[in-house]
Amino acid sequence: MGPMRATSPSAPVRYVALLRGINVGGHVVKMDRLRQVFTDLGLDNVRSYINSGNVFFDTSATDRASLTETIERALHDALGYAVPTFLRTPEELNAVLDRDPFAEIVKTDDLRFCVMFTSEPLDRELQLPVSTPRNDMDIVAVNEFEAYVIWRLIDGRVTGKFSADVLPTRNTTRFFHTLKKILAAAAS
């Protein structure tokens, strides 16, 4: 079930909006202001989870691409900068978590397990794993719109990036363990 598929018009759908760069690079947005942007769009039951740009809401809108554009335009108008937005349902996030390609990997202090969300389809025929030129990130599995990535900290951070032919530049990342918490919060 890809994230660009229209939903049934019969009942409201809960979405998790995963926002990129909402509180980084000198930008600071209070969560009540962020929630107000979503509420002003007529979205229902708007809530946020931690300050890294995770907003839950319900809507009867059926065109996910149009809804994404509307949210991005409202965020730009309210904040003065672009905020790429990635919408997923709790069911879609649950499927992402259920796949868990990290389960057999021994976690060490220098590894982080992440999911990178895209709005463009990924190449499902990638020869995996794919590493960044600095070998600080490896894509170990892909869905149509998500890449499962291992970050390897070098001097305490990750600075590499994948080429646009491997991973679309329009993406946002969430740690795998944080995604579990986001899903739990969205479901409550």
C-alpha atoms as a PDB file:
ATOM      1  CA  MET A   1       0.000   0.000   0.000  1.00  0.00           C
ATOM      2  CA  GLY A   2       1.891   3.087  -1.265  1.00  0.00           C
ATOM      3  CA  PRO A   3       1.551   6.484   0.329  1.00  0.00           C
ATOM      4  CA  MET A   4       0.171   8.172  -2.793  1.00  0.00           C
ATOM      5  CA  ARG A   5      -2.923   5.998  -2.966  1.00  0.00           C
ATOM      6  CA  ALA A   6      -6.268   7.713  -2.414  1.00  0.00           C
ATOM      7  CA  THR A   7      -8.244   6.580   0.596  1.00  0.00           C
ATOM      8  CA  SER A   8     -11.884   5.619   0.927  1.00  0.00           C
ATOM      9  CA  PRO A   9     -14.212   8.627   1.303  1.00  0.00           C
ATOM     10  CA  SER A  10     -16.452   6.764   3.762  1.00  0.00           C
ATOM     11  CA  ALA A  11     -14.746   7.614   7.064  1.00  0.00           C
ATOM     12  CA  PRO A  12     -12.065   9.959   8.363  1.00  0.00           C
ATOM     13  CA  VAL A  13      -8.519   8.670   8.055  1.00  0.00           C
ATOM     14  CA  ARG A  14      -5.809   9.270  10.623  1.00  0.00           C
ATOM     15  CA  TYR A  15      -2.519  10.450   9.198  1.00  0.00           C
ATOM     16  CA  VAL A  16       0.896  10.927  10.681  1.00  0.00           C
ATOM     17  CA  ALA A  17       2.630  13.896   9.060  1.00  0.00           C
ATOM     18  CA  LEU A  18       6.391  13.403   9.196  1.00  0.00           C
ATOM     19  CA  LEU A  19       7.878  16.861   8.701  1.00  0.00           C
ATOM     20  CA  ARG A  20      11.443  17.486   7.596  1.00  0.00           C
ATOM     21  CA  GLY A  21      13.593  20.178   9.153  1.00  0.00           C
ATOM     22  CA  ILE A  22      10.902  21.803  11.291  1.00  0.00           C
ATOM     23  CA  ASN A  23      13.258  22.608  14.202  1.00  0.00           C
ATOM     24  CA  VAL A  24      16.755  22.528  12.694  1.00  0.00           C
ATOM     25  CA  GLY A  25      19.035  24.959  10.923  1.00  0.00           C
ATOM     26  CA  GLY A  26      18.094  27.919  13.102  1.00  0.00           C
ATOM     27  CA  HIS A  27      14.352  27.301  12.796  1.00  0.00           C
ATOM     28  CA  VAL A  28      12.396  27.024  16.025  1.00  0.00           C
ATOM     29  CA  VAL A  29       8.680  26.303  15.967  1.00  0.00           C
ATOM     30  CA  LYS A  30       6.616  25.811  19.091  1.00  0.00           C
ATOM     31  CA  MET A  31       4.365  22.788  18.837  1.00  0.00           C
ATOM     32  CA  ASP A  32       1.200  24.751  19.657  1.00  0.00           C
ATOM     33  CA  ARG A  33       1.889  27.004  16.661  1.00  0.00           C
ATOM     34  CA  LEU A  34       2.538  23.975  14.471  1.00  0.00           C
ATOM     35  CA  ARG A  35      -0.698  22.306  15.581  1.00  0.00           C
ATOM     36  CA  GLN A  36      -2.590  25.553  14.859  1.00  0.00           C
ATOM     37  CA  VAL A  37      -1.425  25.503  11.225  1.00  0.00           C
ATOM     38  CA  PHE A  38      -2.954  22.041  10.846  1.00  0.00           C
ATOM     39  CA  THR A  39      -6.121  22.985  12.746  1.00  0.00           C
ATOM     40  CA  ASP A  40      -6.576  26.079  10.567  1.00  0.00           C
ATOM     41  CA  LEU A  41      -6.682  23.755   7.538  1.00  0.00           C
ATOM     42  CA  GLY A  42      -9.801  22.133   8.983  1.00  0.00           C
ATOM     43  CA  LEU A  43      -8.037  18.948  10.055  1.00  0.00           C
ATOM     44  CA  ASP A  44      -9.457  17.180  13.111  1.00  0.00           C
ATOM     45  CA  ASN A  45      -7.927  15.787  16.321  1.00  0.00           C
ATOM     46  CA  VAL A  46      -4.586  17.488  15.647  1.00  0.00           C
ATOM     47  CA  ARG A  47      -1.807  16.431  18.017  1.00  0.00           C
ATOM     48  CA  SER A  48       1.971  16.546  17.898  1.00  0.00           C
ATOM     49  CA  TYR A  49       4.639  14.224  19.211  1.00  0.00           C
ATOM     50  CA  ILE A  50       8.067  15.493  20.290  1.00  0.00           C
ATOM     51  CA  ASN A  51       9.623  18.575  18.705  1.00  0.00           C
ATOM     52  CA  SER A  52      11.013  16.854  15.624  1.00  0.00           C
ATOM     53  CA  GLY A  53       7.950  17.339  13.445  1.00  0.00           C
ATOM     54  CA  ASN A  54       5.440  14.558  13.951  1.00  0.00           C
ATOM     55  CA  VAL A  55       1.802  15.644  13.712  1.00  0.00           C
ATOM     56  CA  PHE A  56      -1.269  13.391  13.890  1.00  0.00           C
ATOM     57  CA  PHE A  57      -4.642  14.363  12.493  1.00  0.00           C
ATOM     58  CA  ASP A  58      -7.865  12.970  11.065  1.00  0.00           C
ATOM     59  CA  THR A  59      -9.382  14.007   7.766  1.00  0.00           C
ATOM     60  CA  SER A  60     -11.967  12.904   5.237  1.00  0.00           C
ATOM     61  CA  ALA A  61      -9.802  14.233   2.380  1.00  0.00           C
ATOM     62  CA  THR A  62      -9.196  11.446  -0.117  1.00  0.00           C
ATOM     63  CA  ASP A  63      -6.380  12.846  -2.297  1.00  0.00           C
ATOM     64  CA  ARG A  64      -3.152  12.378  -0.354  1.00  0.00           C
ATOM     65  CA  ALA A  65      -0.980  14.238  -2.877  1.00  0.00           C
ATOM     66  CA  SER A  66      -3.279  17.263  -2.791  1.00  0.00           C
ATOM     67  CA  LEU A  67      -3.473  17.145   1.006  1.00  0.00           C
ATOM     68  CA  THR A  68       0.339  17.043   1.200  1.00  0.00           C
ATOM     69  CA  GLU A  69       0.609  20.092  -1.092  1.00  0.00           C
ATOM     70  CA  THR A  70      -1.992  21.976   0.977  1.00  0.00           C
ATOM     71  CA  ILE A  71      -0.116  21.256   4.210  1.00  0.00           C
ATOM     72  CA  GLU A  72       3.249  22.212   2.717  1.00  0.00           C
ATOM     73  CA  ARG A  73       1.843  25.482   1.359  1.00  0.00           C
ATOM     74  CA  ALA A  74       0.269  26.340   4.744  1.00  0.00           C
ATOM     75  CA  LEU A  75       3.514  25.554   6.574  1.00  0.00           C
ATOM     76  CA  HIS A  76       5.513  27.698   4.157  1.00  0.00           C
ATOM     77  CA  ASP A  77       3.054  30.579   4.524  1.00  0.00           C
ATOM     78  CA  ALA A  78       3.069  30.322   8.335  1.00  0.00           C
ATOM     79  CA  LEU A  79       6.773  29.690   8.890  1.00  0.00           C
ATOM     80  CA  GLY A  80       8.469  31.333   5.921  1.00  0.00           C
ATOM     81  CA  TYR A  81      10.387  28.271   4.768  1.00  0.00           C
ATOM     82  CA  ALA A  82       9.694  24.992   2.985  1.00  0.00           C
ATOM     83  CA  VAL A  83       8.798  22.001   5.152  1.00  0.00           C
ATOM     84  CA  PRO A  84       8.706  18.783   3.119  1.00  0.00           C
ATOM     85  CA  THR A  85       5.831  16.676   4.438  1.00  0.00           C
ATOM     86  CA  PHE A  86       5.376  12.915   4.252  1.00  0.00           C
ATOM     87  CA  LEU A  87       1.967  11.465   5.129  1.00  0.00           C
ATOM     88  CA  ARG A  88       1.529   7.899   6.344  1.00  0.00           C
ATOM     89  CA  THR A  89      -1.366   6.144   8.025  1.00  0.00           C
ATOM     90  CA  PRO A  90      -0.765   4.244  11.268  1.00  0.00           C
ATOM     91  CA  GLU A  91      -1.383   1.032   9.304  1.00  0.00           C
ATOM     92  CA  GLU A  92       1.373   1.952   6.851  1.00  0.00           C
ATOM     93  CA  LEU A  93       3.778   2.768   9.695  1.00  0.00           C
ATOM     94  CA  ASN A  94       2.902  -0.541  11.334  1.00  0.00           C
ATOM     95  CA  ALA A  95       3.787  -2.365   8.097  1.00  0.00           C
ATOM     96  CA  VAL A  96       7.115  -0.483   7.961  1.00  0.00           C
ATOM     97  CA  LEU A  97       7.890  -1.554  11.527  1.00  0.00           C
ATOM     98  CA  ASP A  98       6.756  -5.136  10.967  1.00  0.00           C
ATOM     99  CA  ARG A  99       9.279  -5.571   8.158  1.00  0.00           C
ATOM    100  CA  ASP A 100      12.203  -4.792  10.538  1.00  0.00           C
ATOM    101  CA  PRO A 101      15.349  -5.702   8.581  1.00  0.00           C
ATOM    102  CA  PHE A 102      17.396  -4.673  11.647  1.00  0.00           C
ATOM    103  CA  ALA A 103      16.193  -7.544  13.845  1.00  0.00           C
ATOM    104  CA  GLU A 104      19.225  -9.757  13.124  1.00  0.00           C
ATOM    105  CA  ILE A 105      21.827  -6.956  13.304  1.00  0.00           C
ATOM    106  CA  VAL A 106      23.780  -6.566  16.515  1.00  0.00           C
ATOM    107  CA  LYS A 107      23.314  -2.975  17.701  1.00  0.00           C
ATOM    108  CA  THR A 108      26.450  -1.251  18.923  1.00  0.00           C
ATOM    109  CA  ASP A 109      27.015   2.252  20.313  1.00  0.00           C
ATOM    110  CA  ASP A 110      28.106   3.542  16.899  1.00  0.00           C
ATOM    111  CA  LEU A 111      25.067   2.232  14.945  1.00  0.00           C
ATOM    112  CA  ARG A 112      21.647   3.834  14.513  1.00  0.00           C
ATOM    113  CA  PHE A 113      18.740   2.160  12.727  1.00  0.00           C
ATOM    114  CA  CYS A 114      16.587   4.543  10.678  1.00  0.00           C
ATOM    115  CA  VAL A 115      13.816   4.694   8.135  1.00  0.00           C
ATOM    116  CA  MET A 116      14.036   7.337   5.416  1.00  0.00           C
ATOM    117  CA  PHE A 117      10.635   8.291   4.004  1.00  0.00           C
ATOM    118  CA  THR A 118      10.300   9.559   0.432  1.00  0.00           C
ATOM    119  CA  SER A 119       7.497  10.826  -1.747  1.00  0.00           C
ATOM    120  CA  GLU A 120       9.051   9.358  -4.894  1.00  0.00           C
ATOM    121  CA  PRO A 121       9.205   5.599  -5.447  1.00  0.00           C
ATOM    122  CA  LEU A 122      12.509   3.915  -4.704  1.00  0.00           C
ATOM    123  CA  ASP A 123      14.246   1.514  -7.064  1.00  0.00           C
ATOM    124  CA  ARG A 124      13.141  -1.861  -5.689  1.00  0.00           C
ATOM    125  CA  GLU A 125      15.879  -3.531  -7.764  1.00  0.00           C
ATOM    126  CA  LEU A 126      18.766  -1.829  -5.923  1.00  0.00           C
ATOM    127  CA  GLN A 127      21.644  -4.182  -5.228  1.00  0.00           C
ATOM    128  CA  LEU A 128      21.618  -4.023  -1.435  1.00  0.00           C
ATOM    129  CA  PRO A 129      23.270  -3.002   0.736  1.00  0.00           C
ATOM    130  CA  VAL A 130      24.090   0.367  -0.830  1.00  0.00           C
ATOM    131  CA  SER A 131      26.622   2.508   1.025  1.00  0.00           C
ATOM    132  CA  THR A 132      27.377   6.222   0.960  1.00  0.00           C
ATOM    133  CA  PRO A 133      30.836   7.210  -0.345  1.00  0.00           C
ATOM    134  CA  ARG A 134      31.968   7.779   3.285  1.00  0.00           C
ATOM    135  CA  ASN A 135      30.602   4.369   4.335  1.00  0.00           C
ATOM    136  CA  ASP A 136      28.652   6.001   7.149  1.00  0.00           C
ATOM    137  CA  MET A 137      25.224   4.899   5.888  1.00  0.00           C
ATOM    138  CA  ASP A 138      23.949   1.673   4.356  1.00  0.00           C
ATOM    139  CA  ILE A 139      20.540   1.068   2.819  1.00  0.00           C
ATOM    140  CA  VAL A 140      19.756  -2.510   3.810  1.00  0.00           C
ATOM    141  CA  ALA A 141      16.156  -2.813   2.566  1.00  0.00           C
ATOM    142  CA  VAL A 142      13.568  -0.778   0.658  1.00  0.00           C
ATOM    143  CA  ASN A 143       9.825  -0.558   0.329  1.00  0.00           C
ATOM    144  CA  GLU A 144       8.241   1.514  -2.407  1.00  0.00           C
ATOM    145  CA  PHE A 145       8.511   4.765  -0.409  1.00  0.00           C
ATOM    146  CA  GLU A 146      10.820   3.879   2.497  1.00  0.00           C
ATOM    147  CA  ALA A 147      14.490   2.981   2.828  1.00  0.00           C
ATOM    148  CA  TYR A 148      15.788   1.140   5.884  1.00  0.00           C
ATOM    149  CA  VAL A 149      19.150   2.660   6.702  1.00  0.00           C
ATOM    150  CA  ILE A 150      21.940   1.882   9.131  1.00  0.00           C
ATOM    151  CA  TRP A 151      23.862   4.947  10.246  1.00  0.00           C
ATOM    152  CA  ARG A 152      27.454   4.328  11.272  1.00  0.00           C
ATOM    153  CA  LEU A 153      28.625   7.186  13.475  1.00  0.00           C
ATOM    154  CA  ILE A 154      32.055   8.549  12.619  1.00  0.00           C
ATOM    155  CA  ASP A 155      33.374  10.955  15.250  1.00  0.00           C
ATOM    156  CA  GLY A 156      29.900  10.871  16.777  1.00  0.00           C
ATOM    157  CA  ARG A 157      27.954  11.865  13.665  1.00  0.00           C
ATOM    158  CA  VAL A 158      26.818  10.998  10.150  1.00  0.00           C
ATOM    159  CA  THR A 159      27.727  13.405   7.367  1.00  0.00           C
ATOM    160  CA  GLY A 160      27.463  11.379   4.171  1.00  0.00           C
ATOM    161  CA  LYS A 161      24.515  11.222   1.842  1.00  0.00           C
ATOM    162  CA  PHE A 162      23.235   9.008  -0.913  1.00  0.00           C
ATOM    163  CA  SER A 163      23.212  10.123  -4.532  1.00  0.00           C
ATOM    164  CA  ALA A 164      19.814  11.186  -5.902  1.00  0.00           C
ATOM    165  CA  ASP A 165      19.675   8.108  -8.161  1.00  0.00           C
ATOM    166  CA  VAL A 166      19.785   5.901  -5.038  1.00  0.00           C
ATOM    167  CA  LEU A 167      17.644   7.938  -2.620  1.00  0.00           C
ATOM    168  CA  PRO A 168      15.484  10.906  -3.647  1.00  0.00           C
ATOM    169  CA  THR A 169      16.755  14.124  -2.047  1.00  0.00           C
ATOM    170  CA  ARG A 170      13.227  14.898  -0.845  1.00  0.00           C
ATOM    171  CA  ASN A 171      13.101  12.656   2.212  1.00  0.00           C
ATOM    172  CA  THR A 172      12.891  12.681   5.988  1.00  0.00           C
ATOM    173  CA  THR A 173      14.403  10.318   8.522  1.00  0.00           C
ATOM    174  CA  ARG A 174      13.126   8.816  11.759  1.00  0.00           C
ATOM    175  CA  PHE A 175      15.007   6.489  14.067  1.00  0.00           C
ATOM    176  CA  PHE A 176      13.431   3.033  14.072  1.00  0.00           C
ATOM    177  CA  HIS A 177      12.856   3.043  17.855  1.00  0.00           C
ATOM    178  CA  THR A 178      11.281   6.522  17.638  1.00  0.00           C
ATOM    179  CA  LEU A 179       8.925   5.305  14.912  1.00  0.00           C
ATOM    180  CA  LYS A 180       7.562   2.732  17.349  1.00  0.00           C
ATOM    181  CA  LYS A 181       6.810   5.548  19.803  1.00  0.00           C
ATOM    182  CA  ILE A 182       5.266   7.722  17.081  1.00  0.00           C
ATOM    183  CA  LEU A 183       2.978   4.857  16.048  1.00  0.00           C
ATOM    184  CA  ALA A 184       1.934   4.210  19.655  1.00  0.00           C
ATOM    185  CA  ALA A 185       1.174   7.915  20.176  1.00  0.00           C
ATOM    186  CA  ALA A 186      -0.794   8.138  16.922  1.00  0.00           C
ATOM    187  CA  ALA A 187      -2.906   5.147  17.893  1.00  0.00           C
ATOM    188  CA  SER A 188      -3.830   6.523  21.327  1.00  0.00           C
END
